[in-house]
């Protein structure tokens, strides 16, 4: 599977081959298949996505390690596209802490994780009220994560929320120290200005990720703009989820209002399109062959 490469190797390869690499948010295994079919070469599981979609809860650090691992395992089993996972602050307060988190993410099939420098009672990076741990405390998180890897190709990325809390210079200084501690990529959260991205990328010796989430603090820059300032990964964490949710709401409202779904039928994926994404006919043939073999035996 995966041309003999580990998930971490596939993620690194994708980053090396694309400048920048587009990373699509996928809230579940089916979305991972859709992103893969569309041609994305890296996908992402958001902490907010797990909380919002799997549990109907806000992104306030309320999900457990086991909650996220379960979704990682399902996604990685469905798609070989390398997966970056949001592990918030690493669940350092749970049994086994950050080290266990990294081991379980590798076992579940992730290729990379990002760990952040907020306190465990975290906030969405595009909202107010964020509180950061000390730089030394975050460095220890990075050290613990990198030392816990059972696969050295697995990528540990450090996310910093310092830009909106302490300013650009502090975000750069913190990130440089995170890199010194072993972080192989940096997630620069909630930055607002292209020139700030340029300064940040010039100062950081490893690939930098920009989060282009909708309705947040960062403008929706083009891929060309991101490339020009040196950003190496561009993330769209919940774009499909927002569109899916709006579409679902419209369908529910239409069925309640009209008594049937005729008015929104043209917006739906057909049965055959669903089957094509799932490889339905192939799975059906395999099942039939298996049943025939068992009957002969």
C-alpha atoms as a PDB file:
ATOM      1  CA  UNK A   1       0.000   0.000   0.000  1.00  0.00           C
ATOM      2  CA  UNK A   2       1.119   3.573  -0.658  1.00  0.00           C
ATOM      3  CA  UNK A   3       3.948   2.424  -3.006  1.00  0.00           C
ATOM      4  CA  UNK A   4       5.649   0.829  -0.032  1.00  0.00           C
ATOM      5  CA  UNK A   5       6.009   4.167   1.756  1.00  0.00           C
ATOM      6  CA  UNK A   6       4.869   4.888   5.288  1.00  0.00           C
ATOM      7  CA  UNK A   7       2.180   7.496   5.887  1.00  0.00           C
ATOM      8  CA  UNK A   8       4.855   9.884   7.145  1.00  0.00           C
ATOM      9  CA  UNK A   9       6.991   9.345   4.050  1.00  0.00           C
ATOM     10  CA  UNK A  10       3.999   9.977   1.800  1.00  0.00           C
ATOM     11  CA  UNK A  11       3.236  13.218   3.653  1.00  0.00           C
ATOM     12  CA  UNK A  12       6.843  14.412   3.363  1.00  0.00           C
ATOM     13  CA  UNK A  13       6.921  13.479  -0.308  1.00  0.00           C
ATOM     14  CA  UNK A  14       3.747  15.486  -0.976  1.00  0.00           C
ATOM     15  CA  UNK A  15       5.217  18.550   0.755  1.00  0.00           C
ATOM     16  CA  UNK A  16       8.448  18.221  -1.229  1.00  0.00           C
ATOM     17  CA  UNK A  17       6.678  17.856  -4.575  1.00  0.00           C
ATOM     18  CA  UNK A  18       4.270  20.786  -4.285  1.00  0.00           C
ATOM     19  CA  UNK A  19       4.960  24.438  -3.502  1.00  0.00           C
ATOM     20  CA  UNK A  20       2.598  24.963  -1.896  1.00  0.00           C
ATOM     21  CA  UNK A  21       0.794  21.726  -1.070  1.00  0.00           C
ATOM     22  CA  UNK A  22      -2.996  22.039  -0.804  1.00  0.00           C
ATOM     23  CA  UNK A  23      -4.353  20.117   2.202  1.00  0.00           C
ATOM     24  CA  UNK A  24      -8.089  19.368   2.167  1.00  0.00           C
ATOM     25  CA  UNK A  25     -10.088  19.050   5.360  1.00  0.00           C
ATOM     26  CA  UNK A  26     -11.944  15.718   5.533  1.00  0.00           C
ATOM     27  CA  UNK A  27     -14.273  15.141   8.461  1.00  0.00           C
ATOM     28  CA  UNK A  28     -14.799  11.445   7.763  1.00  0.00           C
ATOM     29  CA  UNK A  29     -13.727   8.534   5.574  1.00  0.00           C
ATOM     30  CA  UNK A  30     -16.172   9.321   2.782  1.00  0.00           C
ATOM     31  CA  UNK A  31     -14.925  12.903   2.518  1.00  0.00           C
ATOM     32  CA  UNK A  32     -11.393  11.505   2.335  1.00  0.00           C
ATOM     33  CA  UNK A  33     -12.441   9.447  -0.690  1.00  0.00           C
ATOM     34  CA  UNK A  34     -13.992  12.509  -2.327  1.00  0.00           C
ATOM     35  CA  UNK A  35     -10.824  14.565  -1.755  1.00  0.00           C
ATOM     36  CA  UNK A  36      -8.682  11.733  -3.102  1.00  0.00           C
ATOM     37  CA  UNK A  37     -10.898  11.403  -6.189  1.00  0.00           C
ATOM     38  CA  UNK A  38     -10.598  15.156  -6.797  1.00  0.00           C
ATOM     39  CA  UNK A  39      -6.805  14.939  -6.796  1.00  0.00           C
ATOM     40  CA  UNK A  40      -5.751  16.244  -3.391  1.00  0.00           C
ATOM     41  CA  UNK A  41      -2.443  14.722  -2.308  1.00  0.00           C
ATOM     42  CA  UNK A  42      -2.810  15.457   1.400  1.00  0.00           C
ATOM     43  CA  UNK A  43      -5.830  15.548   3.695  1.00  0.00           C
ATOM     44  CA  UNK A  44      -6.568  16.818   7.184  1.00  0.00           C
ATOM     45  CA  UNK A  45      -8.633  15.888  10.210  1.00  0.00           C
ATOM     46  CA  UNK A  46      -9.537  18.963  12.236  1.00  0.00           C
ATOM     47  CA  UNK A  47     -10.111  18.908  15.968  1.00  0.00           C
ATOM     48  CA  UNK A  48     -13.073  21.170  15.338  1.00  0.00           C
ATOM     49  CA  UNK A  49     -14.286  18.743  12.700  1.00  0.00           C
ATOM     50  CA  UNK A  50     -14.263  15.848  15.160  1.00  0.00           C
ATOM     51  CA  UNK A  51     -16.002  17.906  17.843  1.00  0.00           C
ATOM     52  CA  UNK A  52     -18.552  19.493  15.488  1.00  0.00           C
ATOM     53  CA  UNK A  53     -19.350  16.623  13.125  1.00  0.00           C
ATOM     54  CA  UNK A  54     -18.818  13.491  15.220  1.00  0.00           C
ATOM     55  CA  UNK A  55     -20.128  14.842  18.542  1.00  0.00           C
ATOM     56  CA  UNK A  56     -22.164  17.973  17.813  1.00  0.00           C
ATOM     57  CA  UNK A  57     -19.983  19.979  20.205  1.00  0.00           C
ATOM     58  CA  UNK A  58     -17.977  23.225  19.893  1.00  0.00           C
ATOM     59  CA  UNK A  59     -14.208  23.277  19.393  1.00  0.00           C
ATOM     60  CA  UNK A  60     -13.249  23.835  23.011  1.00  0.00           C
ATOM     61  CA  UNK A  61     -10.954  20.887  23.651  1.00  0.00           C
ATOM     62  CA  UNK A  62     -13.857  18.691  24.722  1.00  0.00           C
ATOM     63  CA  UNK A  63     -13.006  15.574  22.693  1.00  0.00           C
ATOM     64  CA  UNK A  64     -10.659  12.864  23.932  1.00  0.00           C
ATOM     65  CA  UNK A  65      -7.656  11.222  22.345  1.00  0.00           C
ATOM     66  CA  UNK A  66      -9.760   8.099  21.733  1.00  0.00           C
ATOM     67  CA  UNK A  67     -12.416  10.158  19.937  1.00  0.00           C
ATOM     68  CA  UNK A  68      -9.895  11.517  17.444  1.00  0.00           C
ATOM     69  CA  UNK A  69      -8.018   8.235  17.024  1.00  0.00           C
ATOM     70  CA  UNK A  70     -11.280   6.516  16.051  1.00  0.00           C
ATOM     71  CA  UNK A  71     -11.855   8.995  13.215  1.00  0.00           C
ATOM     72  CA  UNK A  72      -8.195   8.817  12.133  1.00  0.00           C
ATOM     73  CA  UNK A  73      -8.392   5.041  11.904  1.00  0.00           C
ATOM     74  CA  UNK A  74     -11.508   5.149   9.737  1.00  0.00           C
ATOM     75  CA  UNK A  75     -10.072   7.779   7.380  1.00  0.00           C
ATOM     76  CA  UNK A  76      -6.672   6.116   7.020  1.00  0.00           C
ATOM     77  CA  UNK A  77      -8.322   2.765   6.316  1.00  0.00           C
ATOM     78  CA  UNK A  78     -10.388   4.274   3.501  1.00  0.00           C
ATOM     79  CA  UNK A  79      -7.721   6.380   1.778  1.00  0.00           C
ATOM     80  CA  UNK A  80      -3.967   6.200   1.294  1.00  0.00           C
ATOM     81  CA  UNK A  81      -3.791   9.977   0.882  1.00  0.00           C
ATOM     82  CA  UNK A  82      -1.425  11.116   3.677  1.00  0.00           C
ATOM     83  CA  UNK A  83      -3.317  12.504   6.656  1.00  0.00           C
ATOM     84  CA  UNK A  84      -2.372  15.435   8.894  1.00  0.00           C
ATOM     85  CA  UNK A  85      -4.174  15.338  12.251  1.00  0.00           C
ATOM     86  CA  UNK A  86      -4.974  18.122  14.706  1.00  0.00           C
ATOM     87  CA  UNK A  87      -4.070  16.835  18.182  1.00  0.00           C
ATOM     88  CA  UNK A  88      -4.734  20.149  19.956  1.00  0.00           C
ATOM     89  CA  UNK A  89      -2.363  20.238  22.962  1.00  0.00           C
ATOM     90  CA  UNK A  90      -1.686  16.494  22.803  1.00  0.00           C
ATOM     91  CA  UNK A  91      -4.007  15.369  25.616  1.00  0.00           C
ATOM     92  CA  UNK A  92      -1.078  15.713  27.979  1.00  0.00           C
ATOM     93  CA  UNK A  93      -3.519  15.513  30.878  1.00  0.00           C
ATOM     94  CA  UNK A  94      -4.811  12.068  29.821  1.00  0.00           C
ATOM     95  CA  UNK A  95      -3.118   8.774  30.683  1.00  0.00           C
ATOM     96  CA  UNK A  96       0.163   8.436  28.818  1.00  0.00           C
ATOM     97  CA  UNK A  97       0.036  12.071  27.736  1.00  0.00           C
ATOM     98  CA  UNK A  98       1.580  13.355  24.512  1.00  0.00           C
ATOM     99  CA  UNK A  99       3.789  10.307  24.015  1.00  0.00           C
ATOM    100  CA  UNK A 100       0.807   7.966  23.938  1.00  0.00           C
ATOM    101  CA  UNK A 101      -1.023  10.350  21.600  1.00  0.00           C
ATOM    102  CA  UNK A 102       1.801  10.185  19.051  1.00  0.00           C
ATOM    103  CA  UNK A 103       2.082   6.399  19.232  1.00  0.00           C
ATOM    104  CA  UNK A 104      -1.668   5.942  18.782  1.00  0.00           C
ATOM    105  CA  UNK A 105      -1.788   8.375  15.856  1.00  0.00           C
ATOM    106  CA  UNK A 106       0.966   6.440  14.084  1.00  0.00           C
ATOM    107  CA  UNK A 107      -0.769   3.132  14.792  1.00  0.00           C
ATOM    108  CA  UNK A 108      -4.050   4.534  13.453  1.00  0.00           C
ATOM    109  CA  UNK A 109      -2.427   5.517  10.138  1.00  0.00           C
ATOM    110  CA  UNK A 110      -1.754   9.260  10.372  1.00  0.00           C
ATOM    111  CA  UNK A 111       1.265  10.665   8.541  1.00  0.00           C
ATOM    112  CA  UNK A 112       1.627  13.861  10.562  1.00  0.00           C
ATOM    113  CA  UNK A 113       0.216  15.728  13.550  1.00  0.00           C
ATOM    114  CA  UNK A 114       0.282  19.302  14.718  1.00  0.00           C
ATOM    115  CA  UNK A 115       0.476  20.178  18.385  1.00  0.00           C
ATOM    116  CA  UNK A 116      -0.206  23.703  19.609  1.00  0.00           C
ATOM    117  CA  UNK A 117       1.055  26.169  22.185  1.00  0.00           C
ATOM    118  CA  UNK A 118      -2.245  27.000  23.888  1.00  0.00           C
ATOM    119  CA  UNK A 119      -3.218  25.849  27.370  1.00  0.00           C
ATOM    120  CA  UNK A 120      -5.249  22.597  27.454  1.00  0.00           C
ATOM    121  CA  UNK A 121      -8.510  24.555  27.819  1.00  0.00           C
ATOM    122  CA  UNK A 122      -7.935  25.781  24.276  1.00  0.00           C
ATOM    123  CA  UNK A 123      -9.906  28.060  21.963  1.00  0.00           C
ATOM    124  CA  UNK A 124     -10.381  28.063  18.211  1.00  0.00           C
ATOM    125  CA  UNK A 125      -7.402  29.850  16.676  1.00  0.00           C
ATOM    126  CA  UNK A 126      -9.658  32.406  14.986  1.00  0.00           C
ATOM    127  CA  UNK A 127     -11.485  33.450  18.156  1.00  0.00           C
ATOM    128  CA  UNK A 128     -10.475  35.675  21.034  1.00  0.00           C
ATOM    129  CA  UNK A 129      -9.543  34.491  24.506  1.00  0.00           C
ATOM    130  CA  UNK A 130      -6.582  32.275  23.620  1.00  0.00           C
ATOM    131  CA  UNK A 131      -3.986  31.718  26.363  1.00  0.00           C
ATOM    132  CA  UNK A 132      -0.526  30.389  25.539  1.00  0.00           C
ATOM    133  CA  UNK A 133       1.766  28.177  27.577  1.00  0.00           C
ATOM    134  CA  UNK A 134       5.351  29.318  28.041  1.00  0.00           C
ATOM    135  CA  UNK A 135       7.781  28.774  25.203  1.00  0.00           C
ATOM    136  CA  UNK A 136       9.680  26.250  27.312  1.00  0.00           C
ATOM    137  CA  UNK A 137       6.493  24.303  28.032  1.00  0.00           C
ATOM    138  CA  UNK A 138       5.698  24.130  24.320  1.00  0.00           C
ATOM    139  CA  UNK A 139       9.256  23.085  23.505  1.00  0.00           C
ATOM    140  CA  UNK A 140       8.830  20.204  25.939  1.00  0.00           C
ATOM    141  CA  UNK A 141       5.634  19.172  24.161  1.00  0.00           C
ATOM    142  CA  UNK A 142       7.557  19.065  20.876  1.00  0.00           C
ATOM    143  CA  UNK A 143      10.458  17.142  22.400  1.00  0.00           C
ATOM    144  CA  UNK A 144       8.108  14.614  23.981  1.00  0.00           C
ATOM    145  CA  UNK A 145       6.225  14.152  20.707  1.00  0.00           C
ATOM    146  CA  UNK A 146       9.312  13.665  18.560  1.00  0.00           C
ATOM    147  CA  UNK A 147      10.982  11.289  21.029  1.00  0.00           C
ATOM    148  CA  UNK A 148       7.813   9.168  21.241  1.00  0.00           C
ATOM    149  CA  UNK A 149       7.703   8.416  17.507  1.00  0.00           C
ATOM    150  CA  UNK A 150       7.780   4.720  16.657  1.00  0.00           C
ATOM    151  CA  UNK A 151       8.293   5.761  13.015  1.00  0.00           C
ATOM    152  CA  UNK A 152      10.923   8.439  12.429  1.00  0.00           C
ATOM    153  CA  UNK A 153       9.265   9.463   9.152  1.00  0.00           C
ATOM    154  CA  UNK A 154       6.160  10.578  11.059  1.00  0.00           C
ATOM    155  CA  UNK A 155       5.948  14.390  10.987  1.00  0.00           C
ATOM    156  CA  UNK A 156       5.583  16.469  14.140  1.00  0.00           C
ATOM    157  CA  UNK A 157       4.395  19.966  13.254  1.00  0.00           C
ATOM    158  CA  UNK A 158       4.196  22.749  15.850  1.00  0.00           C
ATOM    159  CA  UNK A 159       1.296  25.172  15.687  1.00  0.00           C
ATOM    160  CA  UNK A 160       1.658  28.613  17.206  1.00  0.00           C
ATOM    161  CA  UNK A 161      -1.174  30.955  18.118  1.00  0.00           C
ATOM    162  CA  UNK A 162       1.301  33.634  19.206  1.00  0.00           C
ATOM    163  CA  UNK A 163       0.651  35.951  16.251  1.00  0.00           C
ATOM    164  CA  UNK A 164      -2.760  37.070  17.518  1.00  0.00           C
ATOM    165  CA  UNK A 165      -1.773  36.939  21.206  1.00  0.00           C
ATOM    166  CA  UNK A 166       1.800  38.305  21.309  1.00  0.00           C
ATOM    167  CA  UNK A 167       2.474  39.618  17.784  1.00  0.00           C
ATOM    168  CA  UNK A 168       4.535  38.629  14.753  1.00  0.00           C
ATOM    169  CA  UNK A 169       7.995  38.916  16.295  1.00  0.00           C
ATOM    170  CA  UNK A 170       7.018  36.714  19.225  1.00  0.00           C
ATOM    171  CA  UNK A 171       5.447  34.179  16.855  1.00  0.00           C
ATOM    172  CA  UNK A 172       8.710  34.025  14.895  1.00  0.00           C
ATOM    173  CA  UNK A 173      10.859  33.729  18.010  1.00  0.00           C
ATOM    174  CA  UNK A 174       8.664  31.015  19.485  1.00  0.00           C
ATOM    175  CA  UNK A 175       8.584  29.072  16.219  1.00  0.00           C
ATOM    176  CA  UNK A 176      12.351  29.195  15.848  1.00  0.00           C
ATOM    177  CA  UNK A 177      12.681  27.671  19.298  1.00  0.00           C
ATOM    178  CA  UNK A 178      10.071  25.029  18.459  1.00  0.00           C
ATOM    179  CA  UNK A 179      12.118  24.096  15.385  1.00  0.00           C
ATOM    180  CA  UNK A 180      15.231  23.877  17.564  1.00  0.00           C
ATOM    181  CA  UNK A 181      13.298  21.469  19.802  1.00  0.00           C
ATOM    182  CA  UNK A 182      12.545  19.191  16.848  1.00  0.00           C
ATOM    183  CA  UNK A 183       9.441  20.525  15.074  1.00  0.00           C
ATOM    184  CA  UNK A 184       9.813  19.740  11.366  1.00  0.00           C
ATOM    185  CA  UNK A 185       7.073  22.056  10.139  1.00  0.00           C
ATOM    186  CA  UNK A 186       5.298  25.103  11.590  1.00  0.00           C
ATOM    187  CA  UNK A 187       1.575  25.926  11.519  1.00  0.00           C
ATOM    188  CA  UNK A 188       1.305  29.725  11.677  1.00  0.00           C
ATOM    189  CA  UNK A 189      -2.254  30.315  12.861  1.00  0.00           C
ATOM    190  CA  UNK A 190      -4.542  33.313  12.223  1.00  0.00           C
ATOM    191  CA  UNK A 191      -2.101  35.573  10.398  1.00  0.00           C
ATOM    192  CA  UNK A 192      -3.685  38.531   8.608  1.00  0.00           C
ATOM    193  CA  UNK A 193      -1.163  40.006   6.190  1.00  0.00           C
ATOM    194  CA  UNK A 194       0.828  38.660   3.230  1.00  0.00           C
ATOM    195  CA  UNK A 195       3.929  40.582   4.234  1.00  0.00           C
ATOM    196  CA  UNK A 196       3.715  39.047   7.694  1.00  0.00           C
ATOM    197  CA  UNK A 197       3.635  35.633   6.059  1.00  0.00           C
ATOM    198  CA  UNK A 198       6.677  36.602   3.999  1.00  0.00           C
ATOM    199  CA  UNK A 199       8.629  37.712   7.072  1.00  0.00           C
ATOM    200  CA  UNK A 200       7.583  34.625   8.961  1.00  0.00           C
ATOM    201  CA  UNK A 201       8.546  32.184   6.193  1.00  0.00           C
ATOM    202  CA  UNK A 202      11.886  33.901   5.623  1.00  0.00           C
ATOM    203  CA  UNK A 203      12.708  33.559   9.320  1.00  0.00           C
ATOM    204  CA  UNK A 204      11.703  29.898   9.696  1.00  0.00           C
ATOM    205  CA  UNK A 205      13.953  27.158   8.314  1.00  0.00           C
ATOM    206  CA  UNK A 206      11.233  24.502   7.881  1.00  0.00           C
ATOM    207  CA  UNK A 207       8.018  24.386   5.804  1.00  0.00           C
ATOM    208  CA  UNK A 208       5.283  26.744   7.017  1.00  0.00           C
ATOM    209  CA  UNK A 209       1.544  26.010   6.842  1.00  0.00           C
ATOM    210  CA  UNK A 210      -1.110  28.700   6.373  1.00  0.00           C
ATOM    211  CA  UNK A 211      -4.669  28.015   7.498  1.00  0.00           C
ATOM    212  CA  UNK A 212      -7.162  29.541   5.036  1.00  0.00           C
ATOM    213  CA  UNK A 213     -10.289  28.749   6.986  1.00  0.00           C
ATOM    214  CA  UNK A 214     -13.424  30.639   5.998  1.00  0.00           C
ATOM    215  CA  UNK A 215     -14.904  33.440   8.122  1.00  0.00           C
ATOM    216  CA  UNK A 216     -11.736  33.672  10.195  1.00  0.00           C
ATOM    217  CA  UNK A 217      -8.943  36.169  10.700  1.00  0.00           C
ATOM    218  CA  UNK A 218      -6.895  35.182   7.638  1.00  0.00           C
ATOM    219  CA  UNK A 219      -7.997  36.467   4.207  1.00  0.00           C
ATOM    220  CA  UNK A 220      -8.690  33.803   1.587  1.00  0.00           C
ATOM    221  CA  UNK A 221      -5.449  34.259  -0.313  1.00  0.00           C
ATOM    222  CA  UNK A 222      -4.843  32.537  -3.636  1.00  0.00           C
ATOM    223  CA  UNK A 223      -2.408  29.692  -4.070  1.00  0.00           C
ATOM    224  CA  UNK A 224      -0.182  31.977  -6.149  1.00  0.00           C
ATOM    225  CA  UNK A 225      -0.088  34.562  -3.354  1.00  0.00           C
ATOM    226  CA  UNK A 226       0.843  31.908  -0.828  1.00  0.00           C
ATOM    227  CA  UNK A 227       3.582  30.590  -3.101  1.00  0.00           C
ATOM    228  CA  UNK A 228       5.006  34.059  -3.641  1.00  0.00           C
ATOM    229  CA  UNK A 229       5.516  34.679   0.092  1.00  0.00           C
ATOM    230  CA  UNK A 230       7.032  31.269   0.740  1.00  0.00           C
ATOM    231  CA  UNK A 231       4.176  29.312   2.346  1.00  0.00           C
ATOM    232  CA  UNK A 232       4.682  25.581   1.731  1.00  0.00           C
ATOM    233  CA  UNK A 233       1.326  24.122   2.833  1.00  0.00           C
ATOM    234  CA  UNK A 234      -2.136  25.670   2.453  1.00  0.00           C
ATOM    235  CA  UNK A 235      -4.918  24.232   4.595  1.00  0.00           C
ATOM    236  CA  UNK A 236      -8.685  24.312   3.967  1.00  0.00           C
ATOM    237  CA  UNK A 237      -9.796  22.637   7.209  1.00  0.00           C
ATOM    238  CA  UNK A 238     -13.610  22.762   7.138  1.00  0.00           C
ATOM    239  CA  UNK A 239     -14.527  24.100   3.679  1.00  0.00           C
ATOM    240  CA  UNK A 240     -16.373  20.981   2.524  1.00  0.00           C
ATOM    241  CA  UNK A 241     -17.987  20.489   5.934  1.00  0.00           C
ATOM    242  CA  UNK A 242     -19.435  24.013   5.895  1.00  0.00           C
ATOM    243  CA  UNK A 243     -20.846  23.470   2.390  1.00  0.00           C
ATOM    244  CA  UNK A 244     -22.217  20.045   3.279  1.00  0.00           C
ATOM    245  CA  UNK A 245     -23.880  21.413   6.382  1.00  0.00           C
ATOM    246  CA  UNK A 246     -25.515  24.276   4.504  1.00  0.00           C
ATOM    247  CA  UNK A 247     -26.730  21.896   1.807  1.00  0.00           C
ATOM    248  CA  UNK A 248     -28.130  19.473   4.377  1.00  0.00           C
ATOM    249  CA  UNK A 249     -29.955  22.279   6.150  1.00  0.00           C
ATOM    250  CA  UNK A 250     -31.496  23.385   2.850  1.00  0.00           C
ATOM    251  CA  UNK A 251     -32.666  19.838   2.070  1.00  0.00           C
ATOM    252  CA  UNK A 252     -34.215  19.386   5.505  1.00  0.00           C
ATOM    253  CA  UNK A 253     -36.011  22.734   5.247  1.00  0.00           C
ATOM    254  CA  UNK A 254     -37.263  21.945   1.741  1.00  0.00           C
ATOM    255  CA  UNK A 255     -38.640  18.544   2.697  1.00  0.00           C
ATOM    256  CA  UNK A 256     -40.391  20.028   5.725  1.00  0.00           C
ATOM    257  CA  UNK A 257     -41.835  22.882   3.647  1.00  0.00           C
ATOM    258  CA  UNK A 258     -42.731  21.051   0.403  1.00  0.00           C
ATOM    259  CA  UNK A 259     -43.426  17.583   1.703  1.00  0.00           C
ATOM    260  CA  UNK A 260     -40.927  16.071  -0.744  1.00  0.00           C
ATOM    261  CA  UNK A 261     -37.371  16.568  -2.016  1.00  0.00           C
ATOM    262  CA  UNK A 262     -38.124  17.314  -5.683  1.00  0.00           C
ATOM    263  CA  UNK A 263     -36.975  20.959  -5.531  1.00  0.00           C
ATOM    264  CA  UNK A 264     -33.474  20.022  -4.317  1.00  0.00           C
ATOM    265  CA  UNK A 265     -32.986  16.803  -6.270  1.00  0.00           C
ATOM    266  CA  UNK A 266     -30.728  18.498  -8.818  1.00  0.00           C
ATOM    267  CA  UNK A 267     -28.307  19.421  -6.015  1.00  0.00           C
ATOM    268  CA  UNK A 268     -27.896  15.842  -4.830  1.00  0.00           C
ATOM    269  CA  UNK A 269     -25.221  13.313  -5.670  1.00  0.00           C
ATOM    270  CA  UNK A 270     -26.842  10.495  -7.640  1.00  0.00           C
ATOM    271  CA  UNK A 271     -26.887   6.902  -6.496  1.00  0.00           C
ATOM    272  CA  UNK A 272     -24.423   5.984  -9.274  1.00  0.00           C
ATOM    273  CA  UNK A 273     -22.059   8.798  -8.328  1.00  0.00           C
ATOM    274  CA  UNK A 274     -22.075   7.532  -4.743  1.00  0.00           C
ATOM    275  CA  UNK A 275     -21.373   3.995  -5.955  1.00  0.00           C
ATOM    276  CA  UNK A 276     -18.504   5.232  -8.136  1.00  0.00           C
ATOM    277  CA  UNK A 277     -16.784   6.932  -5.180  1.00  0.00           C
ATOM    278  CA  UNK A 278     -17.219   3.837  -3.002  1.00  0.00           C
ATOM    279  CA  UNK A 279     -16.207   1.331  -5.683  1.00  0.00           C
ATOM    280  CA  UNK A 280     -19.514  -0.379  -4.995  1.00  0.00           C
ATOM    281  CA  UNK A 281     -19.501  -2.765  -7.956  1.00  0.00           C
ATOM    282  CA  UNK A 282     -15.940  -3.907  -7.209  1.00  0.00           C
ATOM    283  CA  UNK A 283     -16.790  -4.617  -3.575  1.00  0.00           C
ATOM    284  CA  UNK A 284     -19.948  -6.425  -4.685  1.00  0.00           C
ATOM    285  CA  UNK A 285     -17.982  -8.673  -7.056  1.00  0.00           C
ATOM    286  CA  UNK A 286     -15.461  -9.473  -4.335  1.00  0.00           C
ATOM    287  CA  UNK A 287     -18.282 -10.396  -1.963  1.00  0.00           C
ATOM    288  CA  UNK A 288     -19.924 -12.594  -4.580  1.00  0.00           C
ATOM    289  CA  UNK A 289     -16.607 -14.341  -5.306  1.00  0.00           C
ATOM    290  CA  UNK A 290     -16.031 -14.912  -1.596  1.00  0.00           C
ATOM    291  CA  UNK A 291     -19.516 -16.365  -1.120  1.00  0.00           C
ATOM    292  CA  UNK A 292     -19.078 -18.628  -4.149  1.00  0.00           C
ATOM    293  CA  UNK A 293     -15.716 -19.868  -2.831  1.00  0.00           C
ATOM    294  CA  UNK A 294     -17.189 -20.568   0.597  1.00  0.00           C
ATOM    295  CA  UNK A 295     -20.051 -22.485  -1.041  1.00  0.00           C
ATOM    296  CA  UNK A 296     -17.611 -24.601  -3.078  1.00  0.00           C
ATOM    297  CA  UNK A 297     -15.558 -25.328   0.032  1.00  0.00           C
END
